[in-house]
Amino acid sequence: MALMNDAKKTEPTSTDTMQDDSTLRVMIVGDSMSQGKEGDYTWRYRIWEWFRAQNIAIQMVGPYTGTAPSEPQAHGELQATLGQPKTSGGYAPDVSPDFDRHHFAVWGRVAAVDKDLIYDVLSAHQADLMLLMLGFNDMAWFQSDAAGTLDSIRTLVINARAANPNLKFAIANVPQRSFIPGREDLPINTNIYNALLHNAISEWSTADSPIHLVELQENYDCGPSACPAGYDGLHPNAAGEFQIARAFSLTLVNGFGIGGSPLTIPDHVPERSHSTSFNF
């Protein structure tokens, strides 16, 4: 069966901003764990299914629609900062043709880069709610330490609010990954960052632009000793995609009152074969 391919150009366009007043415009901002790779369902698809099941009218917004094509750049390469990101990859063949695939998630992306891009992206693709999942690459590829990563996320929030002062944010903490020899710093910095983020959320949140924490690490079955949720020690397999979507749905229900019940992970999760690991 053929993959569901990226049918639209990846250049930014404002056409995905047209909606009626009852439609919630949602932008997913992230890295490879959110973009996915060729043939994935992606957690973006699972959260879209959840919105539909909750009878919530949404429009996914953002400049891109595809996954990373086969053999994407190494996870830490910042190619996306220098040119057009690779977003022509397709999805699993049984993904619904109705799936609204727009997003702003790029393989290898760091918060230190997105903080300077987000104003223009939101100006072109207006959103009411941001689902934000960044930070791992900043620490994994020595872009910054925990405190510097937090500052990048804070700046991203400030710049996003400059485009929309009423934007709502669901911000995920950073998951652990399977242990990498010689990188004893990574799980330590991850925990430091997550503690800093937890404390900062209440300071950043405002009545007009509320922010709620997504406890991704606590709901994603991946850690230094084992990573059942990932196909390579980090990136989500089909079960992991459900776990990420569930983590966000918990925050949407409990923090924002969006939806009546969080996503339930099915007993049988369709498998997706992954034969390639991409470093981090």
Foldseek 3Di string as FASTA:
>chain_A
DDFAWFPDDLAFALVLQDDDPQEAEEAEAEELLQQDEAAACGLLLVLVVVCVVLVRHYGYWWRAFAHAYPPAAFQQDPVVLVDPARGGHGYHRPRDPPDRRHYHYGRNDALLRLLVVQLVGCLSIPGQEYEYEHDLSCPVVVVDFLVVSVVSVLSSVVSNCVNPVQHEYEYEQHAAWADDPPPPVRVVRSVVNVVVVVVCQVVSADPRYHYDYQHLNVQQQAHHHGHPQPPARDRGWQQRSQSNSQSSQVCCCVPVVNGDDGDDRDPDGDGDDDDDDRHD
